[in-house]
Amino acid sequence: MTAPTETGDRIGKAAAERLSIFVDAVIAIALTLLALDLPIPQGDTTGAMLSSLAGHGKEYLAFALSFVVIAAHWRAHHEIFPHVRSLSGRLISLTLLWLFMQVLMPFATRVITAEGAFPLRFSLYAMVQVLASASFALIIREIRREQLYRSDGPPRVFAQSLLRSVCLAAVFGVSIPVAFLTEDSSAYLCWLAAPIALAIARRATKTA
């Protein structure tokens, strides 16, 4: 019989695997909702079709950016959870908070592309990203603090994921005052640095 101290908040490896599957499903739904908002180009000729595509450029750019960001969040989660052997109640709660931010991203993406949206819409989008990164950092902290990882799991993978999460939060965090002061799409210039920051962080963790 398993000792109570081992079963208190931790509910076993099978539960960790079920949570990982649940995360994959929610991320897939978030990406689907993101694609459903894409406008369909109209036109009877090639020129008209291309003109319609260009007219919806901001929607397609916002979709591409959000897709990359959600994929980056999922990849980070996918990298650490194979090393998780059990769960705690707090880890489950933090994961649900992180997922809440993921499913908010299609809504936030739609807000920044809507006509006549409120001036702080870019700050709202950036804040969602910052909170998503912060909640993921708390997930890593909980795993390490409660030693929920396997004994053969490399602790380095958690440090690597944490660094990339911090870089992503920093990029979007910097864009919040930019969006607040400019009240236009200048925040996009900051956000386009997100893939670059992730690539630099990934290279840095590999060479460290």
N, C-alpha and C. Protein backbone atom coordinates (compact mmCIF):
# COMPACT_ATOMS: atom_id res chain seq x y z
N MET A 1 0.85 -1.20 0.00
CA MET A 1 0.00 0.00 0.00
C MET A 1 0.88 1.24 0.00
N THR A 2 0.54 2.22 -0.80
CA THR A 2 1.34 3.43 -0.92
C THR A 2 1.18 4.29 0.31
N ALA A 3 2.28 4.83 0.78
CA ALA A 3 2.23 5.66 1.98
C ALA A 3 1.49 6.94 1.70
N PRO A 4 0.76 7.48 2.70
CA PRO A 4 -0.01 8.71 2.51
C PRO A 4 0.86 9.87 2.10
N THR A 5 2.12 9.89 2.63
CA THR A 5 2.99 11.02 2.28
C THR A 5 3.31 11.03 0.80
N GLU A 6 3.21 9.90 0.14
CA GLU A 6 3.50 9.81 -1.28
C GLU A 6 2.28 10.10 -2.13
N THR A 7 1.10 9.99 -1.52
CA THR A 7 -0.12 10.17 -2.30
C THR A 7 -0.85 11.45 -1.96
N GLY A 8 -0.31 12.23 -1.00
CA GLY A 8 -1.00 13.44 -0.57
C GLY A 8 -1.52 14.27 -1.72
N ASP A 9 -0.65 15.09 -2.34
CA ASP A 9 -1.04 15.93 -3.46
C ASP A 9 -0.66 15.31 -4.80
N ARG A 10 0.21 14.33 -4.73
CA ARG A 10 0.69 13.72 -5.98
C ARG A 10 -0.23 12.56 -6.38
N ILE A 11 -0.62 12.52 -7.60
CA ILE A 11 -1.61 11.52 -8.00
C ILE A 11 -1.09 10.56 -9.07
N GLY A 12 0.22 10.50 -9.19
CA GLY A 12 0.81 9.45 -10.00
C GLY A 12 1.14 9.80 -11.43
N LYS A 13 1.98 8.96 -12.00
CA LYS A 13 2.46 9.18 -13.36
C LYS A 13 1.33 9.10 -14.37
N ALA A 14 0.37 8.20 -14.16
CA ALA A 14 -0.74 8.07 -15.10
C ALA A 14 -1.52 9.37 -15.19
N ALA A 15 -1.69 10.04 -14.07
CA ALA A 15 -2.39 11.32 -14.06
C ALA A 15 -1.58 12.38 -14.81
N ALA A 16 -0.26 12.34 -14.67
CA ALA A 16 0.60 13.28 -15.39
C ALA A 16 0.46 13.09 -16.89
N GLU A 17 0.37 11.84 -17.32
CA GLU A 17 0.21 11.56 -18.75
C GLU A 17 -1.16 12.02 -19.24
N ARG A 18 -2.19 11.82 -18.41
CA ARG A 18 -3.53 12.29 -18.80
C ARG A 18 -3.57 13.81 -18.90
N LEU A 19 -2.89 14.48 -17.99
CA LEU A 19 -2.84 15.94 -18.04
C LEU A 19 -2.14 16.41 -19.30
N SER A 20 -1.06 15.73 -19.67
CA SER A 20 -0.34 16.09 -20.89
C SER A 20 -1.21 15.92 -22.13
N ILE A 21 -1.98 14.84 -22.17
CA ILE A 21 -2.90 14.61 -23.29
C ILE A 21 -3.97 15.69 -23.33
N PHE A 22 -4.48 16.05 -22.16
CA PHE A 22 -5.48 17.11 -22.07
C PHE A 22 -4.92 18.44 -22.58
N VAL A 23 -3.68 18.74 -22.22
CA VAL A 23 -3.03 19.96 -22.69
C VAL A 23 -2.93 19.96 -24.21
N ASP A 24 -2.51 18.84 -24.79
CA ASP A 24 -2.41 18.75 -26.25
C ASP A 24 -3.75 19.03 -26.91
N ALA A 25 -4.82 18.49 -26.34
CA ALA A 25 -6.15 18.69 -26.92
C ALA A 25 -6.58 20.15 -26.84
N VAL A 26 -6.33 20.80 -25.72
CA VAL A 26 -6.72 22.20 -25.56
C VAL A 26 -5.92 23.09 -26.51
N ILE A 27 -4.63 22.81 -26.65
CA ILE A 27 -3.80 23.60 -27.57
C ILE A 27 -4.30 23.43 -29.00
N ALA A 28 -4.67 22.21 -29.37
CA ALA A 28 -5.20 21.96 -30.72
C ALA A 28 -6.48 22.76 -30.95
N ILE A 29 -7.33 22.83 -29.94
CA ILE A 29 -8.56 23.61 -30.06
C ILE A 29 -8.24 25.09 -30.20
N ALA A 30 -7.28 25.59 -29.42
CA ALA A 30 -6.89 27.00 -29.49
C ALA A 30 -6.38 27.36 -30.88
N LEU A 31 -5.57 26.48 -31.46
CA LEU A 31 -5.05 26.73 -32.81
C LEU A 31 -6.17 26.69 -33.84
N THR A 32 -7.13 25.79 -33.64
CA THR A 32 -8.27 25.71 -34.55
C THR A 32 -9.11 26.98 -34.49
N LEU A 33 -9.38 27.46 -33.27
CA LEU A 33 -10.14 28.70 -33.12
C LEU A 33 -9.40 29.87 -33.74
N LEU A 34 -8.08 29.84 -33.66
CA LEU A 34 -7.27 30.89 -34.25
C LEU A 34 -7.45 30.92 -35.76
N ALA A 35 -7.47 29.73 -36.38
CA ALA A 35 -7.61 29.65 -37.83
C ALA A 35 -9.02 29.99 -38.29
N LEU A 36 -10.01 29.70 -37.47
CA LEU A 36 -11.40 29.97 -37.85
C LEU A 36 -11.67 31.45 -38.06
N ASP A 37 -10.87 32.31 -37.43
CA ASP A 37 -11.08 33.75 -37.54
C ASP A 37 -10.42 34.35 -38.78
N LEU A 38 -9.69 33.53 -39.54
CA LEU A 38 -9.02 34.06 -40.73
C LEU A 38 -10.04 34.48 -41.79
N PRO A 39 -9.92 35.69 -42.32
CA PRO A 39 -10.85 36.12 -43.38
C PRO A 39 -10.56 35.40 -44.69
N ILE A 40 -11.61 35.11 -45.43
CA ILE A 40 -11.46 34.45 -46.73
C ILE A 40 -11.36 35.52 -47.81
N PRO A 41 -10.28 35.51 -48.61
CA PRO A 41 -10.13 36.53 -49.66
C PRO A 41 -11.21 36.40 -50.72
N GLN A 42 -11.65 37.53 -51.23
CA GLN A 42 -12.70 37.57 -52.25
C GLN A 42 -12.13 38.14 -53.55
N GLY A 43 -12.75 37.76 -54.65
CA GLY A 43 -12.32 38.31 -55.94
C GLY A 43 -12.60 37.36 -57.08
N ASP A 44 -12.99 37.93 -58.22
CA ASP A 44 -13.28 37.12 -59.41
C ASP A 44 -12.05 36.93 -60.29
N THR A 45 -11.01 37.71 -60.04
CA THR A 45 -9.78 37.61 -60.83
C THR A 45 -8.59 37.45 -59.88
N THR A 46 -7.46 37.09 -60.48
CA THR A 46 -6.25 36.93 -59.67
C THR A 46 -5.87 38.24 -58.99
N GLY A 47 -5.97 39.33 -59.74
CA GLY A 47 -5.64 40.64 -59.19
C GLY A 47 -6.53 41.01 -58.03
N ALA A 48 -7.83 40.74 -58.20
CA ALA A 48 -8.77 41.06 -57.12
C ALA A 48 -8.51 40.19 -55.89
N MET A 49 -8.16 38.93 -56.14
CA MET A 49 -7.86 38.03 -55.03
C MET A 49 -6.63 38.50 -54.26
N LEU A 50 -5.58 38.89 -55.01
CA LEU A 50 -4.36 39.37 -54.37
C LEU A 50 -4.61 40.66 -53.61
N SER A 51 -5.45 41.51 -54.19
CA SER A 51 -5.78 42.77 -53.52
C SER A 51 -6.54 42.50 -52.22
N SER A 52 -7.42 41.52 -52.25
CA SER A 52 -8.17 41.16 -51.05
C SER A 52 -7.24 40.57 -49.99
N LEU A 53 -6.28 39.77 -50.44
CA LEU A 53 -5.30 39.21 -49.51
C LEU A 53 -4.49 40.31 -48.83
N ALA A 54 -4.06 41.28 -49.64
CA ALA A 54 -3.28 42.40 -49.09
C ALA A 54 -4.11 43.22 -48.12
N GLY A 55 -5.39 43.35 -48.42
CA GLY A 55 -6.26 44.13 -47.55
C GLY A 55 -6.46 43.51 -46.18
N HIS A 56 -6.25 42.20 -46.11
CA HIS A 56 -6.39 41.50 -44.82
C HIS A 56 -5.03 41.15 -44.24
N GLY A 57 -4.02 41.89 -44.65
CA GLY A 57 -2.65 41.59 -44.21
C GLY A 57 -2.48 41.56 -42.70
N LYS A 58 -3.13 42.49 -42.01
CA LYS A 58 -2.95 42.53 -40.55
C LYS A 58 -3.55 41.30 -39.87
N GLU A 59 -4.65 40.79 -40.43
CA GLU A 59 -5.25 39.58 -39.86
C GLU A 59 -4.33 38.38 -40.04
N TYR A 60 -3.73 38.27 -41.23
CA TYR A 60 -2.84 37.14 -41.49
C TYR A 60 -1.56 37.25 -40.66
N LEU A 61 -1.06 38.47 -40.48
CA LEU A 61 0.13 38.67 -39.66
C LEU A 61 -0.15 38.31 -38.21
N ALA A 62 -1.30 38.75 -37.70
CA ALA A 62 -1.66 38.44 -36.32
C ALA A 62 -1.83 36.93 -36.13
N PHE A 63 -2.42 36.26 -37.13
CA PHE A 63 -2.58 34.81 -37.06
C PHE A 63 -1.22 34.12 -37.00
N ALA A 64 -0.31 34.52 -37.89
CA ALA A 64 1.01 33.89 -37.93
C ALA A 64 1.76 34.09 -36.61
N LEU A 65 1.68 35.31 -36.09
CA LEU A 65 2.36 35.60 -34.82
C LEU A 65 1.78 34.76 -33.69
N SER A 66 0.46 34.71 -33.59
CA SER A 66 -0.18 33.95 -32.51
C SER A 66 0.08 32.46 -32.65
N PHE A 67 0.12 31.98 -33.89
CA PHE A 67 0.41 30.56 -34.11
C PHE A 67 1.81 30.22 -33.60
N VAL A 68 2.78 31.07 -33.94
CA VAL A 68 4.16 30.84 -33.49
C VAL A 68 4.25 30.88 -31.97
N VAL A 69 3.56 31.83 -31.35
CA VAL A 69 3.63 31.97 -29.90
C VAL A 69 2.97 30.78 -29.19
N ILE A 70 1.78 30.39 -29.65
CA ILE A 70 1.11 29.24 -29.04
C ILE A 70 1.94 27.98 -29.23
N ALA A 71 2.52 27.82 -30.43
CA ALA A 71 3.37 26.66 -30.69
C ALA A 71 4.59 26.65 -29.78
N ALA A 72 5.15 27.83 -29.53
CA ALA A 72 6.31 27.93 -28.63
C ALA A 72 5.93 27.54 -27.21
N HIS A 73 4.76 27.99 -26.76
CA HIS A 73 4.29 27.61 -25.42
C HIS A 73 4.07 26.10 -25.34
N TRP A 74 3.45 25.53 -26.36
CA TRP A 74 3.19 24.09 -26.35
C TRP A 74 4.49 23.30 -26.38
N ARG A 75 5.43 23.76 -27.20
CA ARG A 75 6.71 23.04 -27.30
C ARG A 75 7.44 23.03 -25.97
N ALA A 76 7.41 24.16 -25.27
CA ALA A 76 8.06 24.23 -23.96
C ALA A 76 7.42 23.23 -22.99
N HIS A 77 6.09 23.19 -23.00
CA HIS A 77 5.38 22.24 -22.14
C HIS A 77 5.69 20.81 -22.53
N HIS A 78 5.74 20.55 -23.83
CA HIS A 78 6.00 19.21 -24.36
C HIS A 78 7.40 18.73 -23.98
N GLU A 79 8.34 19.65 -23.83
CA GLU A 79 9.72 19.29 -23.50
C GLU A 79 9.89 18.90 -22.04
N ILE A 80 9.11 19.51 -21.15
CA ILE A 80 9.33 19.23 -19.72
C ILE A 80 8.44 18.13 -19.17
N PHE A 81 7.24 17.94 -19.73
CA PHE A 81 6.31 17.01 -19.09
C PHE A 81 6.70 15.54 -19.22
N PRO A 82 7.46 15.11 -20.23
CA PRO A 82 7.93 13.72 -20.21
C PRO A 82 8.82 13.41 -19.00
N HIS A 83 9.36 14.44 -18.37
CA HIS A 83 10.22 14.25 -17.21
C HIS A 83 9.45 14.34 -15.89
N VAL A 84 8.15 14.61 -15.97
CA VAL A 84 7.32 14.71 -14.77
C VAL A 84 6.79 13.32 -14.41
N ARG A 85 7.02 12.90 -13.18
CA ARG A 85 6.59 11.56 -12.76
C ARG A 85 5.29 11.57 -11.97
N SER A 86 4.94 12.74 -11.40
CA SER A 86 3.70 12.83 -10.62
C SER A 86 3.26 14.28 -10.56
N LEU A 87 2.06 14.49 -10.05
CA LEU A 87 1.48 15.82 -10.02
C LEU A 87 1.20 16.25 -8.58
N SER A 88 1.03 17.53 -8.42
CA SER A 88 0.53 18.08 -7.17
C SER A 88 -0.72 18.89 -7.50
N GLY A 89 -1.51 19.17 -6.51
CA GLY A 89 -2.71 19.98 -6.75
C GLY A 89 -2.36 21.34 -7.29
N ARG A 90 -1.27 21.92 -6.80
CA ARG A 90 -0.86 23.25 -7.25
C ARG A 90 -0.39 23.20 -8.71
N LEU A 91 0.29 22.13 -9.08
CA LEU A 91 0.74 22.01 -10.47
C LEU A 91 -0.44 21.92 -11.43
N ILE A 92 -1.47 21.19 -11.04
CA ILE A 92 -2.67 21.10 -11.87
C ILE A 92 -3.32 22.47 -12.02
N SER A 93 -3.43 23.20 -10.92
CA SER A 93 -4.04 24.53 -10.96
C SER A 93 -3.24 25.49 -11.84
N LEU A 94 -1.93 25.44 -11.72
CA LEU A 94 -1.08 26.31 -12.54
C LEU A 94 -1.18 25.95 -14.02
N THR A 95 -1.29 24.66 -14.30
CA THR A 95 -1.44 24.22 -15.69
C THR A 95 -2.76 24.71 -16.27
N LEU A 96 -3.81 24.66 -15.48
CA LEU A 96 -5.11 25.17 -15.94
C LEU A 96 -5.06 26.68 -16.17
N LEU A 97 -4.34 27.40 -15.31
CA LEU A 97 -4.16 28.83 -15.51
C LEU A 97 -3.41 29.10 -16.81
N TRP A 98 -2.36 28.34 -17.05
CA TRP A 98 -1.59 28.46 -18.29
C TRP A 98 -2.46 28.17 -19.51
N LEU A 99 -3.29 27.14 -19.42
CA LEU A 99 -4.18 26.80 -20.52
C LEU A 99 -5.22 27.89 -20.74
N PHE A 100 -5.67 28.51 -19.66
CA PHE A 100 -6.62 29.62 -19.79
C PHE A 100 -6.04 30.73 -20.66
N MET A 101 -4.77 31.02 -20.47
CA MET A 101 -4.11 32.04 -21.28
C MET A 101 -4.00 31.60 -22.74
N GLN A 102 -3.79 30.31 -22.97
CA GLN A 102 -3.70 29.82 -24.34
C GLN A 102 -5.03 29.98 -25.08
N VAL A 103 -6.13 29.65 -24.41
CA VAL A 103 -7.42 29.75 -25.08
C VAL A 103 -7.89 31.20 -25.20
N LEU A 104 -7.27 32.10 -24.43
CA LEU A 104 -7.56 33.53 -24.58
C LEU A 104 -6.88 34.13 -25.81
N MET A 105 -5.85 33.47 -26.31
CA MET A 105 -5.07 34.06 -27.40
C MET A 105 -5.88 34.26 -28.69
N PRO A 106 -6.74 33.32 -29.09
CA PRO A 106 -7.56 33.61 -30.27
C PRO A 106 -8.44 34.84 -30.09
N PHE A 107 -8.99 35.01 -28.88
CA PHE A 107 -9.79 36.21 -28.59
C PHE A 107 -8.92 37.46 -28.66
N ALA A 108 -7.75 37.42 -28.02
CA ALA A 108 -6.86 38.58 -28.02
C ALA A 108 -6.40 38.91 -29.43
N THR A 109 -6.19 37.88 -30.25
CA THR A 109 -5.78 38.09 -31.64
C THR A 109 -6.89 38.79 -32.42
N ARG A 110 -8.12 38.37 -32.17
CA ARG A 110 -9.25 38.99 -32.85
C ARG A 110 -9.43 40.44 -32.42
N VAL A 111 -9.15 40.73 -31.16
CA VAL A 111 -9.28 42.09 -30.65
C VAL A 111 -8.32 43.04 -31.35
N ILE A 112 -7.05 42.62 -31.53
CA ILE A 112 -6.07 43.54 -32.12
C ILE A 112 -6.30 43.77 -33.61
N THR A 113 -7.09 42.90 -34.24
CA THR A 113 -7.34 43.08 -35.67
C THR A 113 -8.72 43.67 -35.95
N ALA A 114 -9.52 43.86 -34.91
CA ALA A 114 -10.88 44.38 -35.11
C ALA A 114 -10.85 45.86 -35.46
N GLU A 115 -11.76 46.26 -36.31
CA GLU A 115 -11.88 47.67 -36.68
C GLU A 115 -12.46 48.44 -35.50
N GLY A 116 -11.86 49.57 -35.22
CA GLY A 116 -12.37 50.42 -34.16
C GLY A 116 -12.18 49.87 -32.77
N ALA A 117 -11.24 48.91 -32.63
CA ALA A 117 -10.99 48.35 -31.31
C ALA A 117 -10.39 49.41 -30.40
N PHE A 118 -10.53 49.21 -29.10
CA PHE A 118 -10.06 50.21 -28.16
C PHE A 118 -8.54 50.38 -28.26
N PRO A 119 -8.04 51.56 -27.94
CA PRO A 119 -6.62 51.87 -28.15
C PRO A 119 -5.64 50.94 -27.43
N LEU A 120 -6.03 50.39 -26.30
CA LEU A 120 -5.11 49.57 -25.53
C LEU A 120 -5.17 48.09 -25.91
N ARG A 121 -5.72 47.80 -27.08
CA ARG A 121 -5.87 46.41 -27.48
C ARG A 121 -4.53 45.68 -27.59
N PHE A 122 -3.49 46.40 -28.04
CA PHE A 122 -2.17 45.77 -28.16
C PHE A 122 -1.58 45.45 -26.79
N SER A 123 -1.84 46.33 -25.83
CA SER A 123 -1.39 46.06 -24.46
C SER A 123 -2.09 44.84 -23.88
N LEU A 124 -3.38 44.68 -24.22
CA LEU A 124 -4.13 43.52 -23.75
C LEU A 124 -3.51 42.23 -24.29
N TYR A 125 -3.21 42.23 -25.59
CA TYR A 125 -2.61 41.05 -26.21
C TYR A 125 -1.27 40.72 -25.55
N ALA A 126 -0.45 41.75 -25.36
CA ALA A 126 0.86 41.54 -24.74
C ALA A 126 0.73 41.03 -23.32
N MET A 127 -0.25 41.54 -22.58
CA MET A 127 -0.44 41.11 -21.20
C MET A 127 -0.83 39.64 -21.13
N VAL A 128 -1.64 39.18 -22.07
CA VAL A 128 -1.99 37.76 -22.12
C VAL A 128 -0.74 36.91 -22.29
N GLN A 129 0.16 37.36 -23.17
CA GLN A 129 1.40 36.62 -23.40
C GLN A 129 2.29 36.62 -22.16
N VAL A 130 2.37 37.76 -21.50
CA VAL A 130 3.20 37.85 -20.29
C VAL A 130 2.66 36.93 -19.20
N LEU A 131 1.35 36.92 -19.02
CA LEU A 131 0.74 36.06 -18.00
C LEU A 131 0.90 34.59 -18.35
N ALA A 132 0.85 34.27 -19.64
CA ALA A 132 1.07 32.88 -20.06
C ALA A 132 2.49 32.44 -19.72
N SER A 133 3.46 33.30 -20.02
CA SER A 133 4.86 32.97 -19.72
C SER A 133 5.09 32.90 -18.21
N ALA A 134 4.47 33.81 -17.48
CA ALA A 134 4.64 33.81 -16.02
C ALA A 134 4.05 32.55 -15.39
N SER A 135 2.88 32.14 -15.87
CA SER A 135 2.26 30.93 -15.31
C SER A 135 3.09 29.69 -15.64
N PHE A 136 3.72 29.69 -16.82
CA PHE A 136 4.58 28.55 -17.17
C PHE A 136 5.83 28.53 -16.29
N ALA A 137 6.37 29.71 -16.00
CA ALA A 137 7.51 29.78 -15.09
C ALA A 137 7.15 29.24 -13.71
N LEU A 138 5.92 29.51 -13.27
CA LEU A 138 5.46 28.99 -11.99
C LEU A 138 5.28 27.47 -12.04
N ILE A 139 4.89 26.95 -13.21
CA ILE A 139 4.79 25.50 -13.38
C ILE A 139 6.15 24.85 -13.17
N ILE A 140 7.17 25.42 -13.80
CA ILE A 140 8.53 24.88 -13.66
C ILE A 140 8.99 24.97 -12.21
N ARG A 141 8.70 26.09 -11.58
CA ARG A 141 9.08 26.28 -10.17
C ARG A 141 8.44 25.23 -9.28
N GLU A 142 7.15 24.94 -9.54
CA GLU A 142 6.45 23.94 -8.73
C GLU A 142 7.05 22.55 -8.93
N ILE A 143 7.36 22.22 -10.18
CA ILE A 143 7.95 20.90 -10.47
C ILE A 143 9.28 20.73 -9.75
N ARG A 144 10.09 21.76 -9.80
CA ARG A 144 11.42 21.68 -9.18
C ARG A 144 11.34 21.73 -7.65
N ARG A 145 10.47 22.58 -7.13
CA ARG A 145 10.38 22.73 -5.68
C ARG A 145 9.86 21.47 -5.00
N GLU A 146 8.82 20.86 -5.62
CA GLU A 146 8.22 19.65 -5.04
C GLU A 146 8.88 18.37 -5.55
N GLN A 147 9.91 18.52 -6.39
CA GLN A 147 10.63 17.37 -6.95
C GLN A 147 9.67 16.38 -7.61
N LEU A 148 8.85 16.91 -8.50
CA LEU A 148 7.87 16.08 -9.19
C LEU A 148 8.45 15.44 -10.45
N TYR A 149 9.71 15.67 -10.72
CA TYR A 149 10.34 15.12 -11.92
C TYR A 149 10.98 13.76 -11.61
N ARG A 150 11.19 12.98 -12.68
CA ARG A 150 11.81 11.67 -12.54
C ARG A 150 13.27 11.81 -12.10
N SER A 151 13.75 10.82 -11.41
CA SER A 151 15.13 10.87 -10.92
C SER A 151 16.14 10.85 -12.07
N ASP A 152 15.75 10.25 -13.20
CA ASP A 152 16.66 10.22 -14.35
C ASP A 152 16.43 11.39 -15.30
N GLY A 153 15.54 12.30 -14.93
CA GLY A 153 15.27 13.46 -15.78
C GLY A 153 16.34 14.52 -15.60
N PRO A 154 16.84 15.09 -16.68
CA PRO A 154 17.88 16.12 -16.58
C PRO A 154 17.32 17.44 -16.06
N PRO A 155 17.79 17.93 -14.90
CA PRO A 155 17.30 19.22 -14.38
C PRO A 155 17.54 20.36 -15.36
N ARG A 156 18.51 20.18 -16.25
CA ARG A 156 18.85 21.25 -17.19
C ARG A 156 17.68 21.62 -18.09
N VAL A 157 16.84 20.64 -18.42
CA VAL A 157 15.73 20.92 -19.33
C VAL A 157 14.77 21.93 -18.72
N PHE A 158 14.64 21.93 -17.41
CA PHE A 158 13.75 22.89 -16.75
C PHE A 158 14.35 24.29 -16.79
N ALA A 159 15.66 24.38 -16.62
CA ALA A 159 16.32 25.69 -16.69
C ALA A 159 16.24 26.26 -18.10
N GLN A 160 16.36 25.39 -19.10
CA GLN A 160 16.28 25.83 -20.49
C GLN A 160 14.89 26.37 -20.81
N SER A 161 13.87 25.63 -20.40
CA SER A 161 12.50 26.06 -20.66
C SER A 161 12.18 27.35 -19.92
N LEU A 162 12.71 27.48 -18.71
CA LEU A 162 12.48 28.69 -17.93
C LEU A 162 13.11 29.90 -18.61
N LEU A 163 14.32 29.74 -19.15
CA LEU A 163 14.99 30.85 -19.83
C LEU A 163 14.20 31.30 -21.04
N ARG A 164 13.71 30.36 -21.84
CA ARG A 164 12.93 30.72 -23.02
C ARG A 164 11.63 31.40 -22.63
N SER A 165 11.02 30.95 -21.55
CA SER A 165 9.78 31.57 -21.08
C SER A 165 10.03 33.00 -20.63
N VAL A 166 11.13 33.23 -19.94
CA VAL A 166 11.48 34.58 -19.49
C VAL A 166 11.75 35.49 -20.68
N CYS A 167 12.44 34.98 -21.69
CA CYS A 167 12.72 35.78 -22.90
C CYS A 167 11.42 36.19 -23.59
N LEU A 168 10.49 35.25 -23.69
CA LEU A 168 9.22 35.55 -24.34
C LEU A 168 8.44 36.59 -23.55
N ALA A 169 8.44 36.44 -22.23
CA ALA A 169 7.74 37.42 -21.39
C ALA A 169 8.38 38.79 -21.51
N ALA A 170 9.71 38.83 -21.62
CA ALA A 170 10.41 40.11 -21.72
C ALA A 170 10.05 40.85 -23.00
N VAL A 171 9.99 40.11 -24.11
CA VAL A 171 9.65 40.73 -25.40
C VAL A 171 8.27 41.37 -25.34
N PHE A 172 7.29 40.63 -24.85
CA PHE A 172 5.93 41.17 -24.79
C PHE A 172 5.78 42.19 -23.68
N GLY A 173 6.54 42.03 -22.61
CA GLY A 173 6.49 43.01 -21.54
C GLY A 173 6.97 44.37 -21.99
N VAL A 174 8.04 44.39 -22.78
CA VAL A 174 8.57 45.66 -23.30
C VAL A 174 7.55 46.33 -24.22
N SER A 175 6.76 45.51 -24.93
CA SER A 175 5.82 46.08 -25.89
C SER A 175 4.62 46.75 -25.22
N ILE A 176 4.37 46.46 -23.94
CA ILE A 176 3.20 47.04 -23.26
C ILE A 176 3.30 48.56 -23.17
N PRO A 177 4.39 49.13 -22.65
CA PRO A 177 4.48 50.60 -22.65
C PRO A 177 4.54 51.19 -24.05
N VAL A 178 5.15 50.44 -24.99
CA VAL A 178 5.20 50.92 -26.38
C VAL A 178 3.79 51.05 -26.93
N ALA A 179 2.97 50.01 -26.73
CA ALA A 179 1.59 50.04 -27.21
C ALA A 179 0.78 51.11 -26.49
N PHE A 180 1.04 51.29 -25.21
CA PHE A 180 0.29 52.27 -24.42
C PHE A 180 0.59 53.69 -24.88
N LEU A 181 1.85 53.95 -25.20
CA LEU A 181 2.26 55.31 -25.58
C LEU A 181 1.93 55.64 -27.03
N THR A 182 2.02 54.65 -27.91
CA THR A 182 1.81 54.93 -29.33
C THR A 182 0.36 54.73 -29.75
N GLU A 183 -0.33 53.78 -29.09
CA GLU A 183 -1.73 53.49 -29.40
C GLU A 183 -1.94 53.15 -30.87
N ASP A 184 -0.96 52.47 -31.44
CA ASP A 184 -1.11 51.99 -32.82
C ASP A 184 -0.41 50.64 -32.92
N SER A 185 -0.12 50.23 -34.16
CA SER A 185 0.46 48.91 -34.36
C SER A 185 1.96 48.86 -34.17
N SER A 186 2.55 49.88 -33.53
CA SER A 186 4.00 49.87 -33.30
C SER A 186 4.43 48.68 -32.46
N ALA A 187 3.51 48.16 -31.66
CA ALA A 187 3.84 47.00 -30.82
C ALA A 187 4.24 45.80 -31.67
N TYR A 188 3.73 45.72 -32.91
CA TYR A 188 4.10 44.62 -33.79
C TYR A 188 5.60 44.54 -33.97
N LEU A 189 6.27 45.68 -34.02
CA LEU A 189 7.71 45.70 -34.20
C LEU A 189 8.42 44.99 -33.06
N CYS A 190 7.89 45.15 -31.85
CA CYS A 190 8.44 44.43 -30.70
C CYS A 190 8.12 42.94 -30.79
N TRP A 191 6.89 42.64 -31.16
CA TRP A 191 6.46 41.24 -31.18
C TRP A 191 7.19 40.42 -32.22
N LEU A 192 7.58 41.05 -33.32
CA LEU A 192 8.31 40.32 -34.35
C LEU A 192 9.67 39.84 -33.85
N ALA A 193 10.10 40.41 -32.73
CA ALA A 193 11.36 39.97 -32.13
C ALA A 193 11.19 38.69 -31.33
N ALA A 194 9.94 38.27 -31.09
CA ALA A 194 9.70 37.08 -30.26
C ALA A 194 10.34 35.83 -30.84
N PRO A 195 10.12 35.50 -32.13
CA PRO A 195 10.78 34.31 -32.68
C PRO A 195 12.30 34.41 -32.62
N ILE A 196 12.83 35.62 -32.81
CA ILE A 196 14.28 35.81 -32.74
C ILE A 196 14.78 35.56 -31.32
N ALA A 197 14.06 36.10 -30.35
CA ALA A 197 14.45 35.90 -28.94
C ALA A 197 14.41 34.43 -28.56
N LEU A 198 13.40 33.71 -29.03
CA LEU A 198 13.30 32.28 -28.73
C LEU A 198 14.44 31.51 -29.36
N ALA A 199 14.80 31.87 -30.60
CA ALA A 199 15.90 31.19 -31.28
C ALA A 199 17.22 31.44 -30.56
N ILE A 200 17.43 32.68 -30.12
CA ILE A 200 18.66 33.01 -29.40
C ILE A 200 18.72 32.26 -28.07
N ALA A 201 17.59 32.22 -27.36
CA ALA A 201 17.55 31.52 -26.08
C ALA A 201 17.80 30.03 -26.27
N ARG A 202 17.23 29.45 -27.31
CA ARG A 202 17.42 28.02 -27.58
C ARG A 202 18.89 27.72 -27.88
N ARG A 203 19.52 28.58 -28.68
CA ARG A 203 20.93 28.39 -29.01
C ARG A 203 21.81 28.56 -27.77
N ALA A 204 21.44 29.54 -26.94
CA ALA A 204 22.24 29.80 -25.73
C ALA A 204 22.19 28.62 -24.77
N THR A 205 21.00 28.02 -24.64
CA THR A 205 20.88 26.90 -23.71
C THR A 205 21.58 25.64 -24.23
N LYS A 206 21.70 25.53 -25.55
CA LYS A 206 22.39 24.38 -26.12
C LYS A 206 23.90 24.48 -25.95
N THR A 207 24.41 25.71 -26.00
CA THR A 207 25.85 25.91 -25.90
C THR A 207 26.33 26.11 -24.47
N ALA A 208 25.35 26.32 -23.56
CA ALA A 208 25.74 26.56 -22.15
C ALA A 208 26.32 25.30 -21.51
